[in-house]
Structures are given as C-alpha cells and as structure tokens.
C-alpha atoms as a PDB file:
ATOM      1  CA  MET A   1     104.514 132.086 115.753  1.00  0.00           C
ATOM      2  CA  LEU A   2     107.641 129.996 115.107  1.00  0.00           C
ATOM      3  CA  PHE A   3     108.216 129.592 111.377  1.00  0.00           C
ATOM      4  CA  VAL A   4     110.091 126.539 110.121  1.00  0.00           C
ATOM      5  CA  HIS A   5     111.277 126.617 106.521  1.00  0.00           C
ATOM      6  CA  PRO A   6     109.146 124.025 104.674  1.00  0.00           C
ATOM      7  CA  GLN A   7     112.011 122.413 102.748  1.00  0.00           C
ATOM      8  CA  ARG A   8     114.041 122.031 105.927  1.00  0.00           C
ATOM      9  CA  LEU A   9     111.012 120.456 107.619  1.00  0.00           C
ATOM     10  CA  PHE A  10     110.719 117.974 104.745  1.00  0.00           C
ATOM     11  CA  LEU A  11     114.420 117.126 105.028  1.00  0.00           C
ATOM     12  CA  GLU A  12     113.955 116.261 108.710  1.00  0.00           C
ATOM     13  CA  CYS A  13     112.931 112.787 107.587  1.00  0.00           C
ATOM     14  CA  LEU A  14     116.418 112.435 106.093  1.00  0.00           C
ATOM     15  CA  LYS A  15     118.129 112.769 109.485  1.00  0.00           C
ATOM     16  CA  GLY A  16     121.552 111.194 109.660  1.00  0.00           C
ATOM     17  CA  PHE A  17     122.147 111.357 105.929  1.00  0.00           C
ATOM     18  CA  PRO A  18     124.152 114.258 104.428  1.00  0.00           C
ATOM     19  CA  GLU A  19     122.010 116.505 102.230  1.00  0.00           C
ATOM     20  CA  ALA A  20     124.210 115.647  99.233  1.00  0.00           C
ATOM     21  CA  ALA A  21     123.087 112.041  99.579  1.00  0.00           C
ATOM     22  CA  VAL A  22     119.386 112.825  99.505  1.00  0.00           C
ATOM     23  CA  GLN A  23     118.970 115.725  97.085  1.00  0.00           C
ATOM     24  CA  LEU A  24     115.685 115.561  95.206  1.00  0.00           C
ATOM     25  CA  PRO A  25     114.613 117.426  92.078  1.00  0.00           C
ATOM     26  CA  LYS A  26     113.761 121.136  92.521  1.00  0.00           C
ATOM     27  CA  LYS A  27     110.246 120.677  91.117  1.00  0.00           C
ATOM     28  CA  LEU A  28     109.541 117.968  93.677  1.00  0.00           C
ATOM     29  CA  LEU A  29     110.881 120.079  96.529  1.00  0.00           C
ATOM     30  CA  SER A  30     108.794 123.041  95.346  1.00  0.00           C
ATOM     31  CA  PHE A  31     105.659 120.887  95.490  1.00  0.00           C
ATOM     32  CA  VAL A  32     106.570 119.669  98.976  1.00  0.00           C
ATOM     33  CA  THR A  33     107.285 123.269 100.036  1.00  0.00           C
ATOM     34  CA  ILE A  34     103.821 124.454  98.973  1.00  0.00           C
ATOM     35  CA  THR A  35     102.131 121.475 100.655  1.00  0.00           C
ATOM     36  CA  ILE A  36     103.966 121.950 103.946  1.00  0.00           C
ATOM     37  CA  LEU A  37     103.498 125.723 103.882  1.00  0.00           C
ATOM     38  CA  ILE A  38      99.730 125.248 103.609  1.00  0.00           C
ATOM     39  CA  PHE A  39      99.863 122.838 106.553  1.00  0.00           C
ATOM     40  CA  LEU A  40     101.909 125.261 108.647  1.00  0.00           C
ATOM     41  CA  LEU A  41      99.416 128.069 108.083  1.00  0.00           C
ATOM     42  CA  MET A  42      96.432 125.960 109.145  1.00  0.00           C
ATOM     43  CA  PRO A  43      95.037 126.924 112.561  1.00  0.00           C
ATOM     44  CA  ASN A  44      95.981 124.689 115.450  1.00  0.00           C
ATOM     45  CA  THR A  45      92.762 123.673 117.184  1.00  0.00           C
ATOM     46  CA  ALA A  46      94.368 121.340 119.711  1.00  0.00           C
ATOM     47  CA  ASP A  47      93.918 122.332 123.325  1.00  0.00           C
ATOM     48  CA  SER A  48      97.293 121.950 125.000  1.00  0.00           C
ATOM     49  CA  SER A  49      95.598 121.906 128.393  1.00  0.00           C
ATOM     50  CA  ASP A  50      93.766 118.656 127.586  1.00  0.00           C
ATOM     51  CA  THR A  51      94.771 115.674 129.680  1.00  0.00           C
ATOM     52  CA  LEU A  52      96.680 113.234 127.509  1.00  0.00           C
ATOM     53  CA  GLU A  53      95.764 109.557 127.617  1.00  0.00           C
ATOM     54  CA  ARG A  54      97.760 106.567 126.348  1.00  0.00           C
ATOM     55  CA  TYR A  55      96.371 104.616 123.388  1.00  0.00           C
ATOM     56  CA  GLU A  56      97.871 101.598 121.658  1.00  0.00           C
ATOM     57  CA  TYR A  57      97.004  99.959 118.329  1.00  0.00           C
ATOM     58  CA  SER A  58      98.556  97.223 116.219  1.00  0.00           C
ATOM     59  CA  GLN A  59      98.104  95.446 112.925  1.00  0.00           C
ATOM     60  CA  MET A  60     100.109  93.244 110.562  1.00  0.00           C
ATOM     61  CA  ALA A  61     102.267  95.173 108.079  1.00  0.00           C
ATOM     62  CA  MET A  62     105.363  94.327 106.038  1.00  0.00           C
ATOM     63  CA  GLY A  63     105.300  90.792 107.372  1.00  0.00           C
ATOM     64  CA  VAL A  64     105.461  91.802 111.061  1.00  0.00           C
ATOM     65  CA  ARG A  65     103.105  93.157 113.700  1.00  0.00           C
ATOM     66  CA  ALA A  66     103.321  96.940 113.598  1.00  0.00           C
ATOM     67  CA  ARG A  67     102.568  98.623 116.921  1.00  0.00           C
ATOM     68  CA  ILE A  68     101.781 102.288 117.536  1.00  0.00           C
ATOM     69  CA  VAL A  69     101.542 103.874 120.980  1.00  0.00           C
ATOM     70  CA  VAL A  70     100.378 107.486 121.249  1.00  0.00           C
ATOM     71  CA  TYR A  71      99.349 110.022 123.866  1.00  0.00           C
ATOM     72  CA  ALA A  72      96.340 112.036 122.729  1.00  0.00           C
ATOM     73  CA  GLY A  73      93.585 114.233 124.123  1.00  0.00           C
ATOM     74  CA  ASP A  74      90.861 111.725 123.290  1.00  0.00           C
ATOM     75  CA  GLN A  75      90.283 108.371 121.651  1.00  0.00           C
ATOM     76  CA  SER A  76      88.877 109.845 118.470  1.00  0.00           C
ATOM     77  CA  ALA A  77      92.036 111.886 117.840  1.00  0.00           C
ATOM     78  CA  ALA A  78      94.228 108.872 118.606  1.00  0.00           C
ATOM     79  CA  GLU A  79      92.300 106.551 116.298  1.00  0.00           C
ATOM     80  CA  GLN A  80      92.235 109.026 113.425  1.00  0.00           C
ATOM     81  CA  ALA A  81      95.975 109.673 113.641  1.00  0.00           C
ATOM     82  CA  CYS A  82      96.913 106.011 114.014  1.00  0.00           C
ATOM     83  CA  ARG A  83      94.633 104.976 111.172  1.00  0.00           C
ATOM     84  CA  ALA A  84      96.419 107.476 108.931  1.00  0.00           C
ATOM     85  CA  ALA A  85      99.815 106.195 110.103  1.00  0.00           C
ATOM     86  CA  PHE A  86      98.874 102.568 109.366  1.00  0.00           C
ATOM     87  CA  ASP A  87      97.553 103.658 105.958  1.00  0.00           C
ATOM     88  CA  ARG A  88     100.940 105.231 105.252  1.00  0.00           C
ATOM     89  CA  ILE A  89     102.735 102.009 106.218  1.00  0.00           C
ATOM     90  CA  THR A  90     100.383  99.992 104.003  1.00  0.00           C
ATOM     91  CA  PHE A  91     101.065 102.326 101.094  1.00  0.00           C
ATOM     92  CA  LEU A  92     104.826 102.033 101.588  1.00  0.00           C
ATOM     93  CA  ASP A  93     104.489  98.249 101.574  1.00  0.00           C
ATOM     94  CA  SER A  94     102.787  98.541  98.175  1.00  0.00           C
ATOM     95  CA  VAL A  95     105.825 100.511  97.011  1.00  0.00           C
ATOM     96  CA  MET A  96     108.731  98.574  98.546  1.00  0.00           C
ATOM     97  CA  SER A  97     107.665  94.955  99.045  1.00  0.00           C
ATOM     98  CA  ASP A  98     109.621  92.258  97.247  1.00  0.00           C
ATOM     99  CA  TYR A  99     106.859  89.743  98.025  1.00  0.00           C
ATOM    100  CA  ARG A 100     103.875  91.537  96.510  1.00  0.00           C
ATOM    101  CA  GLN A 101     103.812  91.049  92.758  1.00  0.00           C
ATOM    102  CA  ASP A 102     101.946  94.328  92.297  1.00  0.00           C
ATOM    103  CA  SER A 103     104.463  96.451  94.235  1.00  0.00           C
ATOM    104  CA  GLU A 104     106.327  99.304  92.601  1.00  0.00           C
ATOM    105  CA  LEU A 105     109.635  97.624  93.461  1.00  0.00           C
ATOM    106  CA  ILE A 106     108.681  94.395  91.682  1.00  0.00           C
ATOM    107  CA  LYS A 107     107.573  96.345  88.613  1.00  0.00           C
ATOM    108  CA  LEU A 108     110.901  98.193  88.603  1.00  0.00           C
ATOM    109  CA  CYS A 109     112.807  94.909  88.788  1.00  0.00           C
ATOM    110  CA  ALA A 110     110.702  93.469  85.960  1.00  0.00           C
ATOM    111  CA  ASN A 111     112.257  96.141  83.736  1.00  0.00           C
ATOM    112  CA  ALA A 112     115.831  95.222  84.733  1.00  0.00           C
ATOM    113  CA  GLY A 113     118.176  95.520  81.773  1.00  0.00           C
ATOM    114  CA  GLY A 114     115.755  97.852  80.006  1.00  0.00           C
ATOM    115  CA  THR A 115     115.287 101.597  79.843  1.00  0.00           C
ATOM    116  CA  PRO A 116     115.167 103.830  82.956  1.00  0.00           C
ATOM    117  CA  THR A 117     111.930 103.549  84.951  1.00  0.00           C
ATOM    118  CA  LYS A 118     110.084 106.490  86.480  1.00  0.00           C
ATOM    119  CA  VAL A 119     109.620 105.922  90.223  1.00  0.00           C
ATOM    120  CA  SER A 120     107.683 107.528  93.058  1.00  0.00           C
ATOM    121  CA  ARG A 121     109.287 110.114  95.341  1.00  0.00           C
ATOM    122  CA  GLU A 122     109.185 107.599  98.209  1.00  0.00           C
ATOM    123  CA  LEU A 123     111.109 104.947  96.301  1.00  0.00           C
ATOM    124  CA  LEU A 124     113.508 107.487  94.830  1.00  0.00           C
ATOM    125  CA  SER A 125     114.270 108.983  98.234  1.00  0.00           C
ATOM    126  CA  LEU A 126     114.988 105.618  99.835  1.00  0.00           C
ATOM    127  CA  LEU A 127     117.062 104.292  96.914  1.00  0.00           C
ATOM    128  CA  ILE A 128     119.265 107.392  97.031  1.00  0.00           C
ATOM    129  CA  ARG A 129     120.017 106.773 100.689  1.00  0.00           C
ATOM    130  CA  CYS A 130     120.591 103.061 100.056  1.00  0.00           C
ATOM    131  CA  GLN A 131     123.179 103.863  97.403  1.00  0.00           C
ATOM    132  CA  TYR A 132     124.886 106.341  99.711  1.00  0.00           C
ATOM    133  CA  LEU A 133     125.174 103.707 102.436  1.00  0.00           C
ATOM    134  CA  ALA A 134     126.372 101.130  99.896  1.00  0.00           C
ATOM    135  CA  LYS A 135     129.157 103.438  98.770  1.00  0.00           C
ATOM    136  CA  LEU A 136     130.151 104.350 102.312  1.00  0.00           C
ATOM    137  CA  SER A 137     130.258 100.687 103.389  1.00  0.00           C
ATOM    138  CA  ASP A 138     132.094  99.538 100.247  1.00  0.00           C
ATOM    139  CA  GLY A 139     129.169  97.336  99.274  1.00  0.00           C
ATOM    140  CA  SER A 140     128.552  95.661 102.640  1.00  0.00           C
ATOM    141  CA  PHE A 141     125.094  97.214 102.391  1.00  0.00           C
ATOM    142  CA  ASP A 142     123.734  96.405  98.939  1.00  0.00           C
ATOM    143  CA  ILE A 143     120.065  96.334  97.971  1.00  0.00           C
ATOM    144  CA  THR A 144     120.866  94.549  94.679  1.00  0.00           C
ATOM    145  CA  VAL A 145     121.388  91.440  96.844  1.00  0.00           C
ATOM    146  CA  GLY A 146     117.881  90.273  95.871  1.00  0.00           C
ATOM    147  CA  PRO A 147     118.934  87.199  93.818  1.00  0.00           C
ATOM    148  CA  LEU A 148     121.041  85.928  96.737  1.00  0.00           C
ATOM    149  CA  VAL A 149     118.280  86.589  99.279  1.00  0.00           C
ATOM    150  CA  LYS A 150     115.845  84.659  97.090  1.00  0.00           C
ATOM    151  CA  LEU A 151     118.314  81.777  96.841  1.00  0.00           C
ATOM    152  CA  TRP A 152     118.774  81.550 100.618  1.00  0.00           C
ATOM    153  CA  ARG A 153     115.028  81.747 101.205  1.00  0.00           C
ATOM    154  CA  GLN A 154     114.814  78.542  99.191  1.00  0.00           C
ATOM    155  CA  VAL A 155     117.611  77.084 101.322  1.00  0.00           C
ATOM    156  CA  ARG A 156     115.668  77.803 104.524  1.00  0.00           C
ATOM    157  CA  LYS A 157     112.673  75.986 103.054  1.00  0.00           C
ATOM    158  CA  SER A 158     114.529  72.993 101.623  1.00  0.00           C
ATOM    159  CA  GLY A 159     117.261  72.631 104.230  1.00  0.00           C
ATOM    160  CA  GLN A 160     119.786  72.047 101.415  1.00  0.00           C
ATOM    161  CA  LEU A 161     122.812  74.279 100.827  1.00  0.00           C
ATOM    162  CA  PRO A 162     123.077  75.969  97.408  1.00  0.00           C
ATOM    163  CA  THR A 163     125.741  74.792  94.993  1.00  0.00           C
ATOM    164  CA  ASP A 164     128.751  76.937  94.122  1.00  0.00           C
ATOM    165  CA  ASN A 165     127.264  77.422  90.648  1.00  0.00           C
ATOM    166  CA  GLN A 166     123.961  78.655  92.085  1.00  0.00           C
ATOM    167  CA  ILE A 167     125.762  81.163  94.294  1.00  0.00           C
ATOM    168  CA  ALA A 168     127.987  82.332  91.434  1.00  0.00           C
ATOM    169  CA  LYS A 169     124.990  82.811  89.129  1.00  0.00           C
ATOM    170  CA  ALA A 170     123.143  84.881  91.722  1.00  0.00           C
ATOM    171  CA  LYS A 171     126.262  86.905  92.579  1.00  0.00           C
ATOM    172  CA  SER A 172     126.713  87.869  88.920  1.00  0.00           C
ATOM    173  CA  LEU A 173     123.527  89.935  89.234  1.00  0.00           C
ATOM    174  CA  VAL A 174     124.618  91.675  92.442  1.00  0.00           C
ATOM    175  CA  GLY A 175     126.515  94.955  92.765  1.00  0.00           C
ATOM    176  CA  TRP A 176     125.322  98.369  93.898  1.00  0.00           C
ATOM    177  CA  GLN A 177     127.154 100.018  90.979  1.00  0.00           C
ATOM    178  CA  LYS A 178     124.764  98.200  88.622  1.00  0.00           C
ATOM    179  CA  LEU A 179     121.930 100.426  89.899  1.00  0.00           C
ATOM    180  CA  SER A 180     121.708 103.887  88.314  1.00  0.00           C
ATOM    181  CA  ILE A 181     119.597 106.776  89.608  1.00  0.00           C
ATOM    182  CA  ASP A 182     118.715 109.974  87.765  1.00  0.00           C
ATOM    183  CA  ARG A 183     117.541 112.373  90.474  1.00  0.00           C
ATOM    184  CA  THR A 184     116.486 115.058  88.013  1.00  0.00           C
ATOM    185  CA  ARG A 185     114.224 112.773  85.995  1.00  0.00           C
ATOM    186  CA  CYS A 186     113.219 110.626  88.996  1.00  0.00           C
ATOM    187  CA  THR A 187     114.218 107.476  87.138  1.00  0.00           C
ATOM    188  CA  VAL A 188     116.026 104.289  88.100  1.00  0.00           C
ATOM    189  CA  ARG A 189     117.729 101.695  85.894  1.00  0.00           C
ATOM    190  CA  LEU A 190     118.907  98.206  86.747  1.00  0.00           C
ATOM    191  CA  GLU A 191     121.773  97.333  84.437  1.00  0.00           C
ATOM    192  CA  LEU A 192     121.271  93.577  83.953  1.00  0.00           C
ATOM    193  CA  PRO A 193     118.192  91.462  83.210  1.00  0.00           C
ATOM    194  CA  GLY A 194     117.346  89.342  86.227  1.00  0.00           C
ATOM    195  CA  MET A 195     118.520  91.864  88.816  1.00  0.00           C
ATOM    196  CA  GLN A 196     116.337  92.099  91.901  1.00  0.00           C
ATOM    197  CA  LEU A 197     116.277  94.683  94.667  1.00  0.00           C
ATOM    198  CA  ASP A 198     115.669  93.802  98.309  1.00  0.00           C
ATOM    199  CA  LEU A 199     114.823  96.597 100.755  1.00  0.00           C
ATOM    200  CA  GLY A 200     114.310  94.288 103.728  1.00  0.00           C
ATOM    201  CA  GLY A 201     117.352  95.728 105.487  1.00  0.00           C
ATOM    202  CA  ILE A 202     116.033  99.303 105.608  1.00  0.00           C
ATOM    203  CA  ALA A 203     112.344  99.557 104.625  1.00  0.00           C
ATOM    204  CA  LYS A 204     110.825  98.990 108.081  1.00  0.00           C
ATOM    205  CA  GLY A 205     112.955 101.742 109.610  1.00  0.00           C
ATOM    206  CA  TYR A 206     111.844 104.070 106.821  1.00  0.00           C
ATOM    207  CA  ALA A 207     108.193 103.111 107.383  1.00  0.00           C
ATOM    208  CA  CYS A 208     108.526 103.872 111.111  1.00  0.00           C
ATOM    209  CA  ASP A 209     109.940 107.321 110.292  1.00  0.00           C
ATOM    210  CA  GLU A 210     107.074 108.018 107.914  1.00  0.00           C
ATOM    211  CA  ALA A 211     104.467 106.844 110.428  1.00  0.00           C
ATOM    212  CA  ILE A 212     105.898 109.154 113.099  1.00  0.00           C
ATOM    213  CA  GLN A 213     105.698 112.047 110.642  1.00  0.00           C
ATOM    214  CA  VAL A 214     102.054 111.268 109.838  1.00  0.00           C
ATOM    215  CA  LEU A 215     101.255 111.246 113.559  1.00  0.00           C
ATOM    216  CA  LYS A 216     102.927 114.645 113.928  1.00  0.00           C
ATOM    217  CA  ASP A 217     100.881 115.940 110.998  1.00  0.00           C
ATOM    218  CA  HIS A 218      97.780 114.900 112.964  1.00  0.00           C
ATOM    219  CA  GLY A 219      98.892 116.738 116.072  1.00  0.00           C
ATOM    220  CA  ILE A 220     100.358 113.722 117.895  1.00  0.00           C
ATOM    221  CA  ASP A 221     103.781 114.710 119.215  1.00  0.00           C
ATOM    222  CA  ILE A 222     104.207 111.876 121.718  1.00  0.00           C
ATOM    223  CA  ALA A 223     104.371 108.516 119.973  1.00  0.00           C
ATOM    224  CA  LEU A 224     106.206 105.236 119.525  1.00  0.00           C
ATOM    225  CA  VAL A 225     106.151 103.139 116.340  1.00  0.00           C
ATOM    226  CA  GLU A 226     107.536  99.602 116.395  1.00  0.00           C
ATOM    227  CA  MET A 227     107.954  97.174 113.505  1.00  0.00           C
ATOM    228  CA  GLY A 228     109.914  94.012 114.213  1.00  0.00           C
ATOM    229  CA  GLY A 229     113.364  95.067 115.361  1.00  0.00           C
ATOM    230  CA  ASP A 230     112.818  98.741 114.561  1.00  0.00           C
ATOM    231  CA  ILE A 231     111.493 101.411 116.928  1.00  0.00           C
ATOM    232  CA  VAL A 232     111.124 105.158 116.360  1.00  0.00           C
ATOM    233  CA  VAL A 233     109.894 107.552 119.053  1.00  0.00           C
ATOM    234  CA  SER A 234     108.967 111.237 119.055  1.00  0.00           C
ATOM    235  CA  GLY A 235     108.420 113.244 122.248  1.00  0.00           C
ATOM    236  CA  PRO A 236     108.646 111.597 125.704  1.00  0.00           C
ATOM    237  CA  PRO A 237     105.510 110.417 127.554  1.00  0.00           C
ATOM    238  CA  PRO A 238     103.974 112.930 130.001  1.00  0.00           C
ATOM    239  CA  GLY A 239     106.134 113.383 133.087  1.00  0.00           C
ATOM    240  CA  LYS A 240     108.939 111.238 131.668  1.00  0.00           C
ATOM    241  CA  GLU A 241     112.322 112.050 130.172  1.00  0.00           C
ATOM    242  CA  GLY A 242     111.900 109.494 127.425  1.00  0.00           C
ATOM    243  CA  TRP A 243     110.475 106.173 126.305  1.00  0.00           C
ATOM    244  CA  GLN A 244     111.950 103.185 128.129  1.00  0.00           C
ATOM    245  CA  ILE A 245     113.184 100.683 125.549  1.00  0.00           C
ATOM    246  CA  GLU A 246     114.417  97.258 126.631  1.00  0.00           C
ATOM    247  CA  LEU A 247     117.014  95.654 124.380  1.00  0.00           C
ATOM    248  CA  ALA A 248     117.141  91.914 123.819  1.00  0.00           C
ATOM    249  CA  ASN A 249     120.291  89.798 123.345  1.00  0.00           C
ATOM    250  CA  LEU A 250     122.490  92.123 125.418  1.00  0.00           C
ATOM    251  CA  SER A 251     124.499  91.202 128.500  1.00  0.00           C
ATOM    252  CA  GLY A 252     127.582  92.193 130.456  1.00  0.00           C
ATOM    253  CA  SER A 253     128.464  95.887 130.316  1.00  0.00           C
ATOM    254  CA  PHE A 254     125.880  96.700 127.640  1.00  0.00           C
ATOM    255  CA  GLU A 255     122.915  98.902 128.531  1.00  0.00           C
ATOM    256  CA  LYS A 256     119.806  96.717 128.544  1.00  0.00           C
ATOM    257  CA  ARG A 257     117.373  99.590 128.990  1.00  0.00           C
ATOM    258  CA  LEU A 258     117.402 102.854 127.092  1.00  0.00           C
ATOM    259  CA  LEU A 259     115.560 106.109 127.665  1.00  0.00           C
ATOM    260  CA  LEU A 260     114.905 107.649 124.250  1.00  0.00           C
ATOM    261  CA  ALA A 261     113.105 110.698 122.859  1.00  0.00           C
ATOM    262  CA  HIS A 262     113.118 111.916 119.260  1.00  0.00           C
ATOM    263  CA  ALA A 263     115.303 108.966 118.309  1.00  0.00           C
ATOM    264  CA  ALA A 264     115.334 105.481 116.838  1.00  0.00           C
ATOM    265  CA  VAL A 265     116.742 102.065 117.640  1.00  0.00           C
ATOM    266  CA  SER A 266     117.170  99.053 115.363  1.00  0.00           C
ATOM    267  CA  SER A 267     118.377  95.518 116.050  1.00  0.00           C
ATOM    268  CA  SER A 268     119.582  92.819 113.659  1.00  0.00           C
ATOM    269  CA  GLY A 269     120.609  89.226 114.176  1.00  0.00           C
ATOM    270  CA  ASP A 270     119.710  85.617 113.467  1.00  0.00           C
ATOM    271  CA  THR A 271     117.719  84.887 116.625  1.00  0.00           C
ATOM    272  CA  GLU A 272     114.518  84.290 114.632  1.00  0.00           C
ATOM    273  CA  GLN A 273     115.295  83.830 110.935  1.00  0.00           C
ATOM    274  CA  PHE A 274     117.956  81.206 110.235  1.00  0.00           C
ATOM    275  CA  VAL A 275     118.557  77.655 109.061  1.00  0.00           C
ATOM    276  CA  GLU A 276     120.848  74.996 110.529  1.00  0.00           C
ATOM    277  CA  ILE A 277     122.491  72.632 108.047  1.00  0.00           C
ATOM    278  CA  GLU A 278     125.137  70.065 108.951  1.00  0.00           C
ATOM    279  CA  GLY A 279     125.624  71.646 112.361  1.00  0.00           C
ATOM    280  CA  ARG A 280     126.131  75.169 111.015  1.00  0.00           C
ATOM    281  CA  ARG A 281     123.721  78.066 111.447  1.00  0.00           C
ATOM    282  CA  TYR A 282     123.082  80.369 108.473  1.00  0.00           C
ATOM    283  CA  SER A 283     121.365  83.728 108.991  1.00  0.00           C
ATOM    284  CA  HIS A 284     118.677  85.239 106.769  1.00  0.00           C
ATOM    285  CA  ILE A 285     121.104  88.137 106.250  1.00  0.00           C
ATOM    286  CA  VAL A 286     123.311  87.439 103.234  1.00  0.00           C
ATOM    287  CA  ASP A 287     126.785  88.865 102.699  1.00  0.00           C
ATOM    288  CA  PRO A 288     126.652  90.488  99.225  1.00  0.00           C
ATOM    289  CA  LYS A 289     130.367  89.825  98.716  1.00  0.00           C
ATOM    290  CA  THR A 290     130.462  86.117  99.559  1.00  0.00           C
ATOM    291  CA  GLY A 291     126.906  85.261  98.557  1.00  0.00           C
ATOM    292  CA  VAL A 292     126.476  83.185 101.716  1.00  0.00           C
ATOM    293  CA  GLY A 293     124.097  83.583 104.667  1.00  0.00           C
ATOM    294  CA  LEU A 294     125.988  84.962 107.656  1.00  0.00           C
ATOM    295  CA  THR A 295     127.453  82.469 110.123  1.00  0.00           C
ATOM    296  CA  ASN A 296     129.191  84.939 112.461  1.00  0.00           C
ATOM    297  CA  ARG A 297     126.284  84.974 115.000  1.00  0.00           C
ATOM    298  CA  MET A 298     126.391  88.713 115.703  1.00  0.00           C
ATOM    299  CA  ALA A 299     123.686  90.688 117.484  1.00  0.00           C
ATOM    300  CA  VAL A 300     123.712  94.334 116.438  1.00  0.00           C
ATOM    301  CA  THR A 301     121.779  97.248 117.904  1.00  0.00           C
ATOM    302  CA  VAL A 302     122.036 100.802 116.550  1.00  0.00           C
ATOM    303  CA  ILE A 303     120.679 103.956 118.180  1.00  0.00           C
ATOM    304  CA  GLY A 304     120.462 107.181 116.195  1.00  0.00           C
ATOM    305  CA  PRO A 305     118.345 110.053 114.870  1.00  0.00           C
ATOM    306  CA  SER A 306     116.172 108.148 112.371  1.00  0.00           C
ATOM    307  CA  GLY A 307     114.757 104.689 111.806  1.00  0.00           C
ATOM    308  CA  THR A 308     115.967 104.627 108.215  1.00  0.00           C
ATOM    309  CA  LEU A 309     119.579 105.187 109.208  1.00  0.00           C
ATOM    310  CA  CYS A 310     119.490 102.818 112.195  1.00  0.00           C
ATOM    311  CA  ASP A 311     117.826 100.016 110.206  1.00  0.00           C
ATOM    312  CA  GLY A 312     120.306 100.330 107.352  1.00  0.00           C
ATOM    313  CA  LEU A 313     123.301 100.503 109.676  1.00  0.00           C
ATOM    314  CA  SER A 314     122.231  97.537 111.802  1.00  0.00           C
ATOM    315  CA  THR A 315     122.029  95.415 108.652  1.00  0.00           C
ATOM    316  CA  THR A 316     125.381  96.714 107.427  1.00  0.00           C
ATOM    317  CA  LEU A 317     127.201  96.162 110.719  1.00  0.00           C
ATOM    318  CA  SER A 318     125.985  92.566 110.790  1.00  0.00           C
ATOM    319  CA  VAL A 319     127.984  91.970 107.604  1.00  0.00           C
ATOM    320  CA  MET A 320     131.142  93.965 108.403  1.00  0.00           C
ATOM    321  CA  ASP A 321     133.847  92.979 110.871  1.00  0.00           C
ATOM    322  CA  GLU A 322     133.905  94.941 114.127  1.00  0.00           C
ATOM    323  CA  ARG A 323     136.798  97.229 113.174  1.00  0.00           C
ATOM    324  CA  GLN A 324     135.178  98.212 109.862  1.00  0.00           C
ATOM    325  CA  GLY A 325     131.839  98.608 111.571  1.00  0.00           C
ATOM    326  CA  ARG A 326     133.157 100.963 114.233  1.00  0.00           C
ATOM    327  CA  ALA A 327     134.830 103.082 111.548  1.00  0.00           C
ATOM    328  CA  LEU A 328     131.539 103.313 109.646  1.00  0.00           C
ATOM    329  CA  VAL A 329     129.539 104.315 112.732  1.00  0.00           C
ATOM    330  CA  ASP A 330     132.053 107.092 113.468  1.00  0.00           C
ATOM    331  CA  LYS A 331     131.021 108.740 110.185  1.00  0.00           C
ATOM    332  CA  PHE A 332     127.514 109.387 111.551  1.00  0.00           C
ATOM    333  CA  PRO A 333     127.387 111.880 114.451  1.00  0.00           C
ATOM    334  CA  GLY A 334     124.922 110.978 117.175  1.00  0.00           C
ATOM    335  CA  VAL A 335     124.885 107.273 116.346  1.00  0.00           C
ATOM    336  CA  ARG A 336     125.734 104.540 118.851  1.00  0.00           C
ATOM    337  CA  ALA A 337     126.146 100.851 118.074  1.00  0.00           C
ATOM    338  CA  TYR A 338     126.256  97.722 120.228  1.00  0.00           C
ATOM    339  CA  LEU A 339     127.840  94.635 118.684  1.00  0.00           C
ATOM    340  CA  ARG A 340     127.823  91.341 120.533  1.00  0.00           C
ATOM    341  CA  LYS A 341     128.914  87.858 119.552  1.00  0.00           C
ATOM    342  CA  LEU A 342     126.173  85.309 120.189  1.00  0.00           C
ATOM    343  CA  GLU A 343     127.016  81.877 121.558  1.00  0.00           C
END
C-alpha cells in the first residue's frame, strides 16, 4: 500500500503556490490530517477491471454553466460523484460570491473598518493566495478592487463613463495592503469602511480545483471540470495521453489545441463582457492602479498545475504589460502563458 502523508495530500490543492504563501494554522492542519488519514485507511471497493464509460453533467453555478465530464464504472457512481462536486461548487459560491447578500464574503465586507472577522478555512486559504499574488504582481492583482468593479458594472448598464471624482472615490478604498490576515486566528480585517472584495478573477479556478478533488475522493480519477474560461483536468481519458482542449482567440504560431492531464488552463479577455462608449471598448476587468476598465484588448491564456493559479495569473497578465507579465510567469515553474493582442 502506497502511503501519502495526509498534510502533503491536503497541500496538493495549493499547487503552484509556495508553502510559505499558504500556511494554515496547526490546529486546522491537524484536523485535516485526521480526516484525510481516515479516508486513506478506508477500503477501496472499486473494481479497476470495470469498463469505464463517459458521463457528462452540467448546471448553472457562479454565474456560468459549470460542466463536469467523468469516466466511471457505472452511471450511479458518476452521478453520486458529480452531485457531490456540484454541491461543493454551490457551497463555495455561498462563501465567495459578491452578488449573494448572504455570502460569507459579503458579510466580511459589511464589517470593513471594524474588528477582525473570523472566516472559514476555504475563504482564508484563498485570501492568503490572493495576497501572495498581489504582492508578487505589485498590486496588478488586487481583490480589494471591489468598489471599482461595482462602478464599472454600473457603467456597462448605463453606457455612461464614470466621472474622475467617482473613480477617485472608489480608488481610495482599493489597495491590497489594506487587507490584513491573521493565519493563526483565522481572521481577516478590511482597514477602511466601504471596502469591498471581489474574487471574480480567481474563484472559478479555485472551485474547479475543489470539484476535481471531490471527484477524486469519490474514486473518480479521470475527470474534466469547466467553468467559463477555466478548465481543470485530472487523469487522461482511457487510451489517450490527455484531454484535448481547444483554445479560442488564438492564431498564428500559437497552439490552438492542447493535450492536458493533471493540469489546468484559464483564459481571460473582453470577448464577452465589455462596453463600448464613444468608440472605445472597456473590458469588465479593471486595472486597480488606474481605476479604469481595460482598453488594451488582450487575450490571455495560462496553462499550469492548478486552476486557482491559472485563473489568478490570467487576470493579472491582462492588466500587466507583456514584459512585466513574462517576468511574473517565470516565477512559477511549470506555467505557460499565451498573450495576444486582439484587433
């Protein structure tokens, strides 16, 4: 029997991020260790000789259609595993949504400017990685961008550009250094009243990672999870070297088709969410430093070890210039990025 250390197994979901960036409290890790150890010692009743069949399911989640493709021994096993994976995604939406007024994220933001707020392990884990990426990108990735995102959502509805005063007011509430995390106490504090967090640039990749892990926990080792521009895959389909992924918005020398296994891919751009005002196109992605929706028309695709990392990086690279972006990607072994200017 191959024994995998439980804590190391738990940290697999943190692929691509240095351990220093994702350290969690010892008590929490001890609980996870016990839970995983119990799972590892459970008997494996799956018959590896069973013929695997392809099953596909989808449902709306986090504002997009989430799709799960699995290979399983029978329909019952596939449905049970996928139902659990969708339940996990639904739970994460209840934690991280900035639309749902009952979400944990909204409740945290409601206490902005107040005392530190106790948060769940899921939110704590993701916020730690967000802050690490914010520091590494010098604020090009910044989840405190919420007030600016809200402002530009209104712009897309009204078709009217915000005033300089509106942008300046929103920008005064933005800055990743204004978010404090106490890993030992599992608490988070937003420095100023009115601050708002937006996890739209990383949450779907995280949810895909978590769904893949749930499928593995249910004995499904061959799976694909897709949410919008984010895809995470585990083992390759039977008789194949990997999952064939076709990339949109690529041309010329770029690879349009990828063969991936145990990997993730994420794409960002303004092909779907944008507004045109006075002949200029503004993306739904907002530069935290300028406070303005992007106008550079970049299509970004990132391939790497985890959905969380790829999703966060694809958002970040959309904001940075190409030279800065390449330098950032070089800091993450095993990550590839495609950047293309759209016409």
